[in-house]
Amino acid sequence: MTEDDQKQRLTQLEARIAAAKKAGSKAEKRADASHAQGELAWRMVIEMVSGLGIGFGIGYGLDSLFGTIPIFLVLFTLLGLAAGVNVMLRSAREIQAKTEAEAAKATVERDERD
């Protein structure tokens, strides 16, 4: 192969790559993308319920162990609720940061193309 043939093949390859990138950027969103929001919602619900359940279990166990009125049950259920809300809010912040990073990346890529 001569050098001119290689350059011609290289320019053809670059043109095909550019065309593929354009076609990839215009691709439709996945059909199951809406399921991702549902999965995130269930994750938050599970985090909240698990915090309540663990607090309830600890409180019930301590009340049974000490033979007290359900003071520990109420106390640890409330602490479990607070822990569940805390974990849920942390997950929401994590998801928000991820979404903002993806939006910023898309904006940068769009600006580079323009």
PDB file of N, CA and C in Angstrom:
ATOM      1  N   MET A   1       0.832  -1.185   0.000  1.00  0.00           N
ATOM      2  CA  MET A   1       0.000   0.000   0.000  1.00  0.00           C
ATOM      3  C   MET A   1       0.874   1.244   0.000  1.00  0.00           C
ATOM      4  N   THR A   2       0.403   2.163  -0.737  1.00  0.00           N
ATOM      5  CA  THR A   2       1.144   3.416  -0.769  1.00  0.00           C
ATOM      6  C   THR A   2       0.627   4.323   0.328  1.00  0.00           C
ATOM      7  N   GLU A   3       1.355   5.352   0.521  1.00  0.00           N
ATOM      8  CA  GLU A   3       0.995   6.306   1.574  1.00  0.00           C
ATOM      9  C   GLU A   3      -0.311   7.025   1.247  1.00  0.00           C
ATOM     10  N   ASP A   4      -0.552   7.293  -0.037  1.00  0.00           N
ATOM     11  CA  ASP A   4      -1.794   7.945  -0.438  1.00  0.00           C
ATOM     12  C   ASP A   4      -3.000   7.056  -0.178  1.00  0.00           C
ATOM     13  N   ASP A   5      -2.855   5.760  -0.419  1.00  0.00           N
ATOM     14  CA  ASP A   5      -3.948   4.823  -0.154  1.00  0.00           C
ATOM     15  C   ASP A   5      -4.267   4.773   1.346  1.00  0.00           C
ATOM     16  N   GLN A   6      -3.235   4.786   2.158  1.00  0.00           N
ATOM     17  CA  GLN A   6      -3.445   4.759   3.602  1.00  0.00           C
ATOM     18  C   GLN A   6      -4.147   6.020   4.079  1.00  0.00           C
ATOM     19  N   LYS A   7      -3.753   7.161   3.545  1.00  0.00           N
ATOM     20  CA  LYS A   7      -4.399   8.418   3.936  1.00  0.00           C
ATOM     21  C   LYS A   7      -5.861   8.429   3.508  1.00  0.00           C
ATOM     22  N   GLN A   8      -6.117   7.901   2.316  1.00  0.00           N
ATOM     23  CA  GLN A   8      -7.494   7.845   1.828  1.00  0.00           C
ATOM     24  C   GLN A   8      -8.335   6.928   2.699  1.00  0.00           C
ATOM     25  N   ARG A   9      -7.806   5.784   3.063  1.00  0.00           N
ATOM     26  CA  ARG A   9      -8.527   4.852   3.940  1.00  0.00           C
ATOM     27  C   ARG A   9      -8.768   5.474   5.313  1.00  0.00           C
ATOM     28  N   LEU A  10      -7.777   6.211   5.802  1.00  0.00           N
ATOM     29  CA  LEU A  10      -7.905   6.862   7.103  1.00  0.00           C
ATOM     30  C   LEU A  10      -9.003   7.917   7.085  1.00  0.00           C
ATOM     31  N   THR A  11      -9.060   8.711   6.039  1.00  0.00           N
ATOM     32  CA  THR A  11     -10.126   9.733   5.952  1.00  0.00           C
ATOM     33  C   THR A  11     -11.495   9.081   5.820  1.00  0.00           C
ATOM     34  N   GLN A  12     -11.581   7.967   5.095  1.00  0.00           N
ATOM     35  CA  GLN A  12     -12.856   7.247   4.994  1.00  0.00           C
ATOM     36  C   GLN A  12     -13.276   6.696   6.353  1.00  0.00           C
ATOM     37  N   LEU A  13     -12.306   6.176   7.081  1.00  0.00           N
ATOM     38  CA  LEU A  13     -12.598   5.655   8.415  1.00  0.00           C
ATOM     39  C   LEU A  13     -13.063   6.766   9.345  1.00  0.00           C
ATOM     40  N   GLU A  14     -12.408   7.906   9.302  1.00  0.00           N
ATOM     41  CA  GLU A  14     -12.810   9.035  10.138  1.00  0.00           C
ATOM     42  C   GLU A  14     -14.225   9.504   9.794  1.00  0.00           C
ATOM     43  N   ALA A  15     -14.545   9.492   8.513  1.00  0.00           N
ATOM     44  CA  ALA A  15     -15.900   9.878   8.104  1.00  0.00           C
ATOM     45  C   ALA A  15     -16.927   8.879   8.619  1.00  0.00           C
ATOM     46  N   ARG A  16     -16.609   7.606   8.558  1.00  0.00           N
ATOM     47  CA  ARG A  16     -17.542   6.584   9.075  1.00  0.00           C
ATOM     48  C   ARG A  16     -17.704   6.705  10.589  1.00  0.00           C
ATOM     49  N   ILE A  17     -16.626   7.003  11.290  1.00  0.00           N
ATOM     50  CA  ILE A  17     -16.699   7.173  12.753  1.00  0.00           C
ATOM     51  C   ILE A  17     -17.557   8.380  13.102  1.00  0.00           C
ATOM     52  N   ALA A  18     -17.372   9.482  12.376  1.00  0.00           N
ATOM     53  CA  ALA A  18     -18.171  10.682  12.634  1.00  0.00           C
ATOM     54  C   ALA A  18     -19.644  10.416  12.365  1.00  0.00           C
ATOM     55  N   ALA A  19     -19.940   9.676  11.295  1.00  0.00           N
ATOM     56  CA  ALA A  19     -21.333   9.346  10.982  1.00  0.00           C
ATOM     57  C   ALA A  19     -21.935   8.462  12.067  1.00  0.00           C
ATOM     58  N   ALA A  20     -21.156   7.525  12.574  1.00  0.00           N
ATOM     59  CA  ALA A  20     -21.652   6.640  13.636  1.00  0.00           C
ATOM     60  C   ALA A  20     -21.907   7.418  14.921  1.00  0.00           C
ATOM     61  N   LYS A  21     -21.038   8.385  15.221  1.00  0.00           N
ATOM     62  CA  LYS A  21     -21.245   9.204  16.417  1.00  0.00           C
ATOM     63  C   LYS A  21     -22.507  10.038  16.304  1.00  0.00           C
ATOM     64  N   LYS A  22     -22.748  10.594  15.116  1.00  0.00           N
ATOM     65  CA  LYS A  22     -23.971  11.372  14.914  1.00  0.00           C
ATOM     66  C   LYS A  22     -25.200  10.490  15.054  1.00  0.00           C
ATOM     67  N   ALA A  23     -25.144   9.301  14.503  1.00  0.00           N
ATOM     68  CA  ALA A  23     -26.284   8.383  14.600  1.00  0.00           C
ATOM     69  C   ALA A  23     -26.496   7.953  16.042  1.00  0.00           C
ATOM     70  N   GLY A  24     -25.409   7.772  16.805  1.00  0.00           N
ATOM     71  CA  GLY A  24     -25.518   7.376  18.215  1.00  0.00           C
ATOM     72  C   GLY A  24     -26.090   8.468  19.084  1.00  0.00           C
ATOM     73  N   SER A  25     -25.794   9.731  18.753  1.00  0.00           N
ATOM     74  CA  SER A  25     -26.311  10.831  19.563  1.00  0.00           C
ATOM     75  C   SER A  25     -27.789  11.062  19.303  1.00  0.00           C
ATOM     76  N   LYS A  26     -28.272  10.654  18.124  1.00  0.00           N
ATOM     77  CA  LYS A  26     -29.677  10.821  17.800  1.00  0.00           C
ATOM     78  C   LYS A  26     -30.509   9.604  18.201  1.00  0.00           C
ATOM     79  N   ALA A  27     -29.880   8.610  18.794  1.00  0.00           N
ATOM     80  CA  ALA A  27     -30.593   7.391  19.158  1.00  0.00           C
ATOM     81  C   ALA A  27     -31.671   7.695  20.192  1.00  0.00           C
ATOM     82  N   GLU A  28     -32.757   6.958  20.096  1.00  0.00           N
ATOM     83  CA  GLU A  28     -33.861   7.163  21.033  1.00  0.00           C
ATOM     84  C   GLU A  28     -33.470   6.641  22.401  1.00  0.00           C
ATOM     85  N   LYS A  29     -34.140   7.187  23.413  1.00  0.00           N
ATOM     86  CA  LYS A  29     -33.886   6.717  24.763  1.00  0.00           C
ATOM     87  C   LYS A  29     -34.409   5.297  24.902  1.00  0.00           C
ATOM     88  N   ARG A  30     -33.816   4.582  25.790  1.00  0.00           N
ATOM     89  CA  ARG A  30     -34.238   3.203  26.000  1.00  0.00           C
ATOM     90  C   ARG A  30     -35.664   3.169  26.517  1.00  0.00           C
ATOM     91  N   ALA A  31     -36.361   2.133  26.160  1.00  0.00           N
ATOM     92  CA  ALA A  31     -37.756   2.009  26.554  1.00  0.00           C
ATOM     93  C   ALA A  31     -37.893   1.771  28.057  1.00  0.00           C
ATOM     94  N   ASP A  32     -36.879   1.166  28.663  1.00  0.00           N
ATOM     95  CA  ASP A  32     -36.971   0.874  30.088  1.00  0.00           C
ATOM     96  C   ASP A  32     -36.387   1.984  30.951  1.00  0.00           C
ATOM     97  N   ALA A  33     -36.107   3.136  30.394  1.00  0.00           N
ATOM     98  CA  ALA A  33     -35.557   4.246  31.174  1.00  0.00           C
ATOM     99  C   ALA A  33     -36.542   4.720  32.231  1.00  0.00           C
ATOM    100  N   SER A  34     -37.836   4.595  31.957  1.00  0.00           N
ATOM    101  CA  SER A  34     -38.817   5.012  32.952  1.00  0.00           C
ATOM    102  C   SER A  34     -38.827   4.078  34.155  1.00  0.00           C
ATOM    103  N   HIS A  35     -38.379   2.846  33.959  1.00  0.00           N
ATOM    104  CA  HIS A  35     -38.317   1.909  35.071  1.00  0.00           C
ATOM    105  C   HIS A  35     -37.249   2.297  36.080  1.00  0.00           C
ATOM    106  N   ALA A  36     -36.243   3.024  35.632  1.00  0.00           N
ATOM    107  CA  ALA A  36     -35.170   3.430  36.533  1.00  0.00           C
ATOM    108  C   ALA A  36     -35.714   4.312  37.655  1.00  0.00           C
ATOM    109  N   GLN A  37     -36.661   5.185  37.345  1.00  0.00           N
ATOM    110  CA  GLN A  37     -37.253   6.035  38.375  1.00  0.00           C
ATOM    111  C   GLN A  37     -38.023   5.197  39.388  1.00  0.00           C
ATOM    112  N   GLY A  38     -38.715   4.183  38.904  1.00  0.00           N
ATOM    113  CA  GLY A  38     -39.440   3.294  39.809  1.00  0.00           C
ATOM    114  C   GLY A  38     -38.502   2.526  40.722  1.00  0.00           C
ATOM    115  N   GLU A  39     -37.384   2.090  40.166  1.00  0.00           N
ATOM    116  CA  GLU A  39     -36.395   1.379  40.975  1.00  0.00           C
ATOM    117  C   GLU A  39     -35.834   2.285  42.065  1.00  0.00           C
ATOM    118  N   LEU A  40     -35.591   3.539  41.732  1.00  0.00           N
ATOM    119  CA  LEU A  40     -35.083   4.486  42.731  1.00  0.00           C
ATOM    120  C   LEU A  40     -36.115   4.731  43.824  1.00  0.00           C
ATOM    121  N   ALA A  41     -37.377   4.813  43.423  1.00  0.00           N
ATOM    122  CA  ALA A  41     -38.432   5.024  44.417  1.00  0.00           C
ATOM    123  C   ALA A  41     -38.521   3.819  45.354  1.00  0.00           C
ATOM    124  N   TRP A  42     -38.458   2.622  44.800  1.00  0.00           N
ATOM    125  CA  TRP A  42     -38.509   1.431  45.652  1.00  0.00           C
ATOM    126  C   TRP A  42     -37.291   1.345  46.561  1.00  0.00           C
ATOM    127  N   ARG A  43     -36.147   1.767  46.062  1.00  0.00           N
ATOM    128  CA  ARG A  43     -34.940   1.774  46.903  1.00  0.00           C
ATOM    129  C   ARG A  43     -35.153   2.654  48.127  1.00  0.00           C
ATOM    130  N   MET A  44     -35.728   3.836  47.906  1.00  0.00           N
ATOM    131  CA  MET A  44     -35.958   4.755  49.024  1.00  0.00           C
ATOM    132  C   MET A  44     -36.996   4.194  49.998  1.00  0.00           C
ATOM    133  N   VAL A  45     -38.031   3.584  49.476  1.00  0.00           N
ATOM    134  CA  VAL A  45     -39.053   2.991  50.347  1.00  0.00           C
ATOM    135  C   VAL A  45     -38.441   1.877  51.186  1.00  0.00           C
ATOM    136  N   ILE A  46     -37.631   1.038  50.565  1.00  0.00           N
ATOM    137  CA  ILE A  46     -37.007  -0.070  51.293  1.00  0.00           C
ATOM    138  C   ILE A  46     -36.067   0.456  52.367  1.00  0.00           C
ATOM    139  N   GLU A  47     -35.327   1.515  52.071  1.00  0.00           N
ATOM    140  CA  GLU A  47     -34.432   2.096  53.071  1.00  0.00           C
ATOM    141  C   GLU A  47     -35.216   2.631  54.262  1.00  0.00           C
ATOM    142  N   MET A  48     -36.344   3.262  53.991  1.00  0.00           N
ATOM    143  CA  MET A  48     -37.167   3.808  55.067  1.00  0.00           C
ATOM    144  C   MET A  48     -37.766   2.683  55.925  1.00  0.00           C
ATOM    145  N   VAL A  49     -38.332   1.689  55.279  1.00  0.00           N
ATOM    146  CA  VAL A  49     -38.976   0.594  56.006  1.00  0.00           C
ATOM    147  C   VAL A  49     -37.957  -0.239  56.778  1.00  0.00           C
ATOM    148  N   SER A  50     -36.767  -0.419  56.192  1.00  0.00           N
ATOM    149  CA  SER A  50     -35.752  -1.190  56.910  1.00  0.00           C
ATOM    150  C   SER A  50     -35.285  -0.448  58.162  1.00  0.00           C
ATOM    151  N   GLY A  51     -35.162   0.866  58.094  1.00  0.00           N
ATOM    152  CA  GLY A  51     -34.806   1.640  59.287  1.00  0.00           C
ATOM    153  C   GLY A  51     -35.862   1.501  60.370  1.00  0.00           C
ATOM    154  N   LEU A  52     -37.129   1.582  59.970  1.00  0.00           N
ATOM    155  CA  LEU A  52     -38.213   1.413  60.937  1.00  0.00           C
ATOM    156  C   LEU A  52     -38.214   0.003  61.525  1.00  0.00           C
ATOM    157  N   GLY A  53     -38.029  -0.983  60.668  1.00  0.00           N
ATOM    158  CA  GLY A  53     -38.045  -2.374  61.131  1.00  0.00           C
ATOM    159  C   GLY A  53     -36.912  -2.686  62.094  1.00  0.00           C
ATOM    160  N   ILE A  54     -35.730  -2.207  61.784  1.00  0.00           N
ATOM    161  CA  ILE A  54     -34.583  -2.454  62.662  1.00  0.00           C
ATOM    162  C   ILE A  54     -34.785  -1.748  63.995  1.00  0.00           C
ATOM    163  N   GLY A  55     -35.255  -0.511  63.960  1.00  0.00           N
ATOM    164  CA  GLY A  55     -35.530   0.204  65.214  1.00  0.00           C
ATOM    165  C   GLY A  55     -36.596  -0.483  66.037  1.00  0.00           C
ATOM    166  N   PHE A  56     -37.663  -0.950  65.379  1.00  0.00           N
ATOM    167  CA  PHE A  56     -38.736  -1.662  66.067  1.00  0.00           C
ATOM    168  C   PHE A  56     -38.192  -2.941  66.705  1.00  0.00           C
ATOM    169  N   GLY A  57     -37.387  -3.680  65.945  1.00  0.00           N
ATOM    170  CA  GLY A  57     -36.832  -4.930  66.466  1.00  0.00           C
ATOM    171  C   GLY A  57     -35.930  -4.717  67.671  1.00  0.00           C
ATOM    172  N   ILE A  58     -35.073  -3.734  67.602  1.00  0.00           N
ATOM    173  CA  ILE A  58     -34.176  -3.445  68.733  1.00  0.00           C
ATOM    174  C   ILE A  58     -34.992  -3.011  69.946  1.00  0.00           C
ATOM    175  N   GLY A  59     -35.948  -2.135  69.730  1.00  0.00           N
ATOM    176  CA  GLY A  59     -36.775  -1.665  70.847  1.00  0.00           C
ATOM    177  C   GLY A  59     -37.577  -2.790  71.480  1.00  0.00           C
ATOM    178  N   TYR A  60     -38.173  -3.639  70.651  1.00  0.00           N
ATOM    179  CA  TYR A  60     -38.955  -4.768  71.170  1.00  0.00           C
ATOM    180  C   TYR A  60     -38.055  -5.734  71.939  1.00  0.00           C
ATOM    181  N   GLY A  61     -36.868  -5.983  71.385  1.00  0.00           N
ATOM    182  CA  GLY A  61     -35.926  -6.876  72.062  1.00  0.00           C
ATOM    183  C   GLY A  61     -35.488  -6.330  73.410  1.00  0.00           C
ATOM    184  N   LEU A  62     -35.188  -5.049  73.479  1.00  0.00           N
ATOM    185  CA  LEU A  62     -34.772  -4.456  74.755  1.00  0.00           C
ATOM    186  C   LEU A  62     -35.919  -4.448  75.760  1.00  0.00           C
ATOM    187  N   ASP A  63     -37.136  -4.150  75.306  1.00  0.00           N
ATOM    188  CA  ASP A  63     -38.283  -4.176  76.212  1.00  0.00           C
ATOM    189  C   ASP A  63     -38.530  -5.584  76.725  1.00  0.00           C
ATOM    190  N   SER A  64     -38.377  -6.578  75.878  1.00  0.00           N
ATOM    191  CA  SER A  64     -38.554  -7.967  76.315  1.00  0.00           C
ATOM    192  C   SER A  64     -37.446  -8.376  77.277  1.00  0.00           C
ATOM    193  N   LEU A  65     -36.239  -7.947  76.995  1.00  0.00           N
ATOM    194  CA  LEU A  65     -35.096  -8.301  77.826  1.00  0.00           C
ATOM    195  C   LEU A  65     -35.203  -7.684  79.221  1.00  0.00           C
ATOM    196  N   PHE A  66     -35.569  -6.413  79.281  1.00  0.00           N
ATOM    197  CA  PHE A  66     -35.638  -5.720  80.556  1.00  0.00           C
ATOM    198  C   PHE A  66     -37.005  -5.792  81.202  1.00  0.00           C
ATOM    199  N   GLY A  67     -38.003  -6.250  80.487  1.00  0.00           N
ATOM    200  CA  GLY A  67     -39.352  -6.344  81.040  1.00  0.00           C
ATOM    201  C   GLY A  67     -39.974  -4.986  81.307  1.00  0.00           C
ATOM    202  N   THR A  68     -39.664  -4.031  80.485  1.00  0.00           N
ATOM    203  CA  THR A  68     -40.171  -2.678  80.698  1.00  0.00           C
ATOM    204  C   THR A  68     -41.416  -2.446  79.845  1.00  0.00           C
ATOM    205  N   ILE A  69     -42.044  -1.306  80.130  1.00  0.00           N
ATOM    206  CA  ILE A  69     -43.151  -0.896  79.286  1.00  0.00           C
ATOM    207  C   ILE A  69     -42.561  -0.561  77.913  1.00  0.00           C
ATOM    208  N   PRO A  70     -43.347  -0.370  76.902  1.00  0.00           N
ATOM    209  CA  PRO A  70     -42.750  -0.215  75.563  1.00  0.00           C
ATOM    210  C   PRO A  70     -42.045   1.119  75.335  1.00  0.00           C
ATOM    211  N   ILE A  71     -41.250   1.536  76.301  1.00  0.00           N
ATOM    212  CA  ILE A  71     -40.508   2.786  76.143  1.00  0.00           C
ATOM    213  C   ILE A  71     -39.385   2.633  75.114  1.00  0.00           C
ATOM    214  N   PHE A  72     -38.662   1.513  75.179  1.00  0.00           N
ATOM    215  CA  PHE A  72     -37.585   1.293  74.222  1.00  0.00           C
ATOM    216  C   PHE A  72     -38.142   1.048  72.822  1.00  0.00           C
ATOM    217  N   LEU A  73     -39.297   0.403  72.753  1.00  0.00           N
ATOM    218  CA  LEU A  73     -39.937   0.162  71.464  1.00  0.00           C
ATOM    219  C   LEU A  73     -40.243   1.486  70.772  1.00  0.00           C
ATOM    220  N   VAL A  74     -40.847   2.402  71.498  1.00  0.00           N
ATOM    221  CA  VAL A  74     -41.186   3.713  70.930  1.00  0.00           C
ATOM    222  C   VAL A  74     -39.917   4.494  70.608  1.00  0.00           C
ATOM    223  N   LEU A  75     -38.958   4.488  71.535  1.00  0.00           N
ATOM    224  CA  LEU A  75     -37.722   5.243  71.345  1.00  0.00           C
ATOM    225  C   LEU A  75     -36.958   4.764  70.113  1.00  0.00           C
ATOM    226  N   PHE A  76     -36.742   3.454  70.021  1.00  0.00           N
ATOM    227  CA  PHE A  76     -35.951   2.945  68.905  1.00  0.00           C
ATOM    228  C   PHE A  76     -36.720   2.952  67.587  1.00  0.00           C
ATOM    229  N   THR A  77     -38.035   2.888  67.636  1.00  0.00           N
ATOM    230  CA  THR A  77     -38.811   3.032  66.413  1.00  0.00           C
ATOM    231  C   THR A  77     -38.648   4.445  65.863  1.00  0.00           C
ATOM    232  N   LEU A  78     -38.679   5.435  66.740  1.00  0.00           N
ATOM    233  CA  LEU A  78     -38.459   6.818  66.302  1.00  0.00           C
ATOM    234  C   LEU A  78     -37.029   7.023  65.798  1.00  0.00           C
ATOM    235  N   LEU A  79     -36.058   6.401  66.479  1.00  0.00           N
ATOM    236  CA  LEU A  79     -34.674   6.488  65.997  1.00  0.00           C
ATOM    237  C   LEU A  79     -34.519   5.793  64.644  1.00  0.00           C
ATOM    238  N   GLY A  80     -35.206   4.679  64.474  1.00  0.00           N
ATOM    239  CA  GLY A  80     -35.183   3.987  63.187  1.00  0.00           C
ATOM    240  C   GLY A  80     -35.808   4.827  62.089  1.00  0.00           C
ATOM    241  N   LEU A  81     -36.881   5.536  62.425  1.00  0.00           N
ATOM    242  CA  LEU A  81     -37.513   6.437  61.469  1.00  0.00           C
ATOM    243  C   LEU A  81     -36.533   7.544  61.061  1.00  0.00           C
ATOM    244  N   ALA A  82     -35.869   8.119  62.035  1.00  0.00           N
ATOM    245  CA  ALA A  82     -34.900   9.182  61.748  1.00  0.00           C
ATOM    246  C   ALA A  82     -33.746   8.648  60.901  1.00  0.00           C
ATOM    247  N   ALA A  83     -33.275   7.453  61.217  1.00  0.00           N
ATOM    248  CA  ALA A  83     -32.189   6.865  60.428  1.00  0.00           C
ATOM    249  C   ALA A  83     -32.653   6.568  59.006  1.00  0.00           C
ATOM    250  N   GLY A  84     -33.876   6.066  58.859  1.00  0.00           N
ATOM    251  CA  GLY A  84     -34.414   5.787  57.526  1.00  0.00           C
ATOM    252  C   GLY A  84     -34.543   7.045  56.694  1.00  0.00           C
ATOM    253  N   VAL A  85     -35.027   8.115  57.296  1.00  0.00           N
ATOM    254  CA  VAL A  85     -35.148   9.385  56.580  1.00  0.00           C
ATOM    255  C   VAL A  85     -33.763   9.901  56.192  1.00  0.00           C
ATOM    256  N   ASN A  86     -32.804   9.773  57.093  1.00  0.00           N
ATOM    257  CA  ASN A  86     -31.442  10.226  56.810  1.00  0.00           C
ATOM    258  C   ASN A  86     -30.847   9.470  55.624  1.00  0.00           C
ATOM    259  N   VAL A  87     -30.986   8.154  55.610  1.00  0.00           N
ATOM    260  CA  VAL A  87     -30.454   7.347  54.515  1.00  0.00           C
ATOM    261  C   VAL A  87     -31.186   7.671  53.215  1.00  0.00           C
ATOM    262  N   MET A  88     -32.495   7.866  53.299  1.00  0.00           N
ATOM    263  CA  MET A  88     -33.283   8.185  52.118  1.00  0.00           C
ATOM    264  C   MET A  88     -32.853   9.531  51.527  1.00  0.00           C
ATOM    265  N   LEU A  89     -32.624  10.524  52.367  1.00  0.00           N
ATOM    266  CA  LEU A  89     -32.178  11.832  51.893  1.00  0.00           C
ATOM    267  C   LEU A  89     -30.777  11.756  51.288  1.00  0.00           C
ATOM    268  N   ARG A  90     -29.916  10.942  51.879  1.00  0.00           N
ATOM    269  CA  ARG A  90     -28.575  10.769  51.330  1.00  0.00           C
ATOM    270  C   ARG A  90     -28.648  10.130  49.941  1.00  0.00           C
ATOM    271  N   SER A  91     -29.540   9.159  49.781  1.00  0.00           N
ATOM    272  CA  SER A  91     -29.721   8.537  48.467  1.00  0.00           C
ATOM    273  C   SER A  91     -30.254   9.547  47.456  1.00  0.00           C
ATOM    274  N   ALA A  92     -31.176  10.392  47.890  1.00  0.00           N
ATOM    275  CA  ALA A  92     -31.737  11.403  46.992  1.00  0.00           C
ATOM    276  C   ALA A  92     -30.650  12.385  46.556  1.00  0.00           C
ATOM    277  N   ARG A  93     -29.782  12.783  47.476  1.00  0.00           N
ATOM    278  CA  ARG A  93     -28.684  13.691  47.111  1.00  0.00           C
ATOM    279  C   ARG A  93     -27.720  13.015  46.137  1.00  0.00           C
ATOM    280  N   GLU A  94     -27.453  11.738  46.364  1.00  0.00           N
ATOM    281  CA  GLU A  94     -26.571  10.985  45.474  1.00  0.00           C
ATOM    282  C   GLU A  94     -27.160  10.906  44.062  1.00  0.00           C
ATOM    283  N   ILE A  95     -28.442  10.626  43.981  1.00  0.00           N
ATOM    284  CA  ILE A  95     -29.111  10.530  42.687  1.00  0.00           C
ATOM    285  C   ILE A  95     -29.138  11.891  42.004  1.00  0.00           C
ATOM    286  N   GLN A  96     -29.383  12.942  42.763  1.00  0.00           N
ATOM    287  CA  GLN A  96     -29.408  14.288  42.204  1.00  0.00           C
ATOM    288  C   GLN A  96     -28.030  14.674  41.668  1.00  0.00           C
ATOM    289  N   ALA A  97     -26.983  14.361  42.418  1.00  0.00           N
ATOM    290  CA  ALA A  97     -25.625  14.678  41.963  1.00  0.00           C
ATOM    291  C   ALA A  97     -25.295  13.916  40.682  1.00  0.00           C
ATOM    292  N   LYS A  98     -25.715  12.666  40.613  1.00  0.00           N
ATOM    293  CA  LYS A  98     -25.469  11.868  39.410  1.00  0.00           C
ATOM    294  C   LYS A  98     -26.218  12.447  38.216  1.00  0.00           C
ATOM    295  N   THR A  99     -27.458  12.848  38.421  1.00  0.00           N
ATOM    296  CA  THR A  99     -28.258  13.431  37.344  1.00  0.00           C
ATOM    297  C   THR A  99     -27.660  14.747  36.877  1.00  0.00           C
ATOM    298  N   GLU A 100     -27.233  15.589  37.813  1.00  0.00           N
ATOM    299  CA  GLU A 100     -26.622  16.863  37.445  1.00  0.00           C
ATOM    300  C   GLU A 100     -25.317  16.655  36.688  1.00  0.00           C
ATOM    301  N   ALA A 101     -24.530  15.644  37.082  1.00  0.00           N
ATOM    302  CA  ALA A 101     -23.278  15.360  36.383  1.00  0.00           C
ATOM    303  C   ALA A 101     -23.555  14.903  34.954  1.00  0.00           C
ATOM    304  N   GLU A 102     -24.579  14.071  34.773  1.00  0.00           N
ATOM    305  CA  GLU A 102     -24.928  13.619  33.427  1.00  0.00           C
ATOM    306  C   GLU A 102     -25.418  14.786  32.570  1.00  0.00           C
ATOM    307  N   ALA A 103     -26.194  15.682  33.167  1.00  0.00           N
ATOM    308  CA  ALA A 103     -26.687  16.848  32.421  1.00  0.00           C
ATOM    309  C   ALA A 103     -25.532  17.767  32.031  1.00  0.00           C
ATOM    310  N   ALA A 104     -24.584  17.967  32.943  1.00  0.00           N
ATOM    311  CA  ALA A 104     -23.430  18.807  32.637  1.00  0.00           C
ATOM    312  C   ALA A 104     -22.579  18.180  31.541  1.00  0.00           C
ATOM    313  N   LYS A 105     -22.429  16.861  31.602  1.00  0.00           N
ATOM    314  CA  LYS A 105     -21.654  16.169  30.572  1.00  0.00           C
ATOM    315  C   LYS A 105     -22.330  16.300  29.216  1.00  0.00           C
ATOM    316  N   ALA A 106     -23.647  16.167  29.183  1.00  0.00           N
ATOM    317  CA  ALA A 106     -24.388  16.312  27.925  1.00  0.00           C
ATOM    318  C   ALA A 106     -24.273  17.726  27.388  1.00  0.00           C
ATOM    319  N   THR A 107     -24.301  18.715  28.266  1.00  0.00           N
ATOM    320  CA  THR A 107     -24.170  20.107  27.844  1.00  0.00           C
ATOM    321  C   THR A 107     -22.788  20.372  27.247  1.00  0.00           C
ATOM    322  N   VAL A 108     -21.757  19.838  27.899  1.00  0.00           N
ATOM    323  CA  VAL A 108     -20.391  20.017  27.398  1.00  0.00           C
ATOM    324  C   VAL A 108     -20.245  19.352  26.029  1.00  0.00           C
ATOM    325  N   GLU A 109     -20.787  18.137  25.877  1.00  0.00           N
ATOM    326  CA  GLU A 109     -20.682  17.442  24.595  1.00  0.00           C
ATOM    327  C   GLU A 109     -21.438  18.199  23.507  1.00  0.00           C
ATOM    328  N   ARG A 110     -22.604  18.746  23.847  1.00  0.00           N
ATOM    329  CA  ARG A 110     -23.383  19.502  22.875  1.00  0.00           C
ATOM    330  C   ARG A 110     -22.648  20.784  22.477  1.00  0.00           C
ATOM    331  N   ASP A 111     -22.004  21.446  23.452  1.00  0.00           N
ATOM    332  CA  ASP A 111     -21.251  22.667  23.146  1.00  0.00           C
ATOM    333  C   ASP A 111     -20.028  22.373  22.283  1.00  0.00           C
ATOM    334  N   GLU A 112     -19.408  21.217  22.500  1.00  0.00           N
ATOM    335  CA  GLU A 112     -18.232  20.850  21.702  1.00  0.00           C
ATOM    336  C   GLU A 112     -18.613  20.584  20.254  1.00  0.00           C
ATOM    337  N   ARG A 113     -19.808  20.031  20.045  1.00  0.00           N
ATOM    338  CA  ARG A 113     -20.262  19.759  18.683  1.00  0.00           C
ATOM    339  C   ARG A 113     -20.617  21.043  17.941  1.00  0.00           C
ATOM    340  N   ASP A 114     -21.089  22.034  18.676  1.00  0.00           N
ATOM    341  CA  ASP A 114     -21.511  23.306  18.033  1.00  0.00           C
ATOM    342  C   ASP A 114     -20.373  24.186  17.707  1.00  0.00           C
TER     343      ASP A 114
END
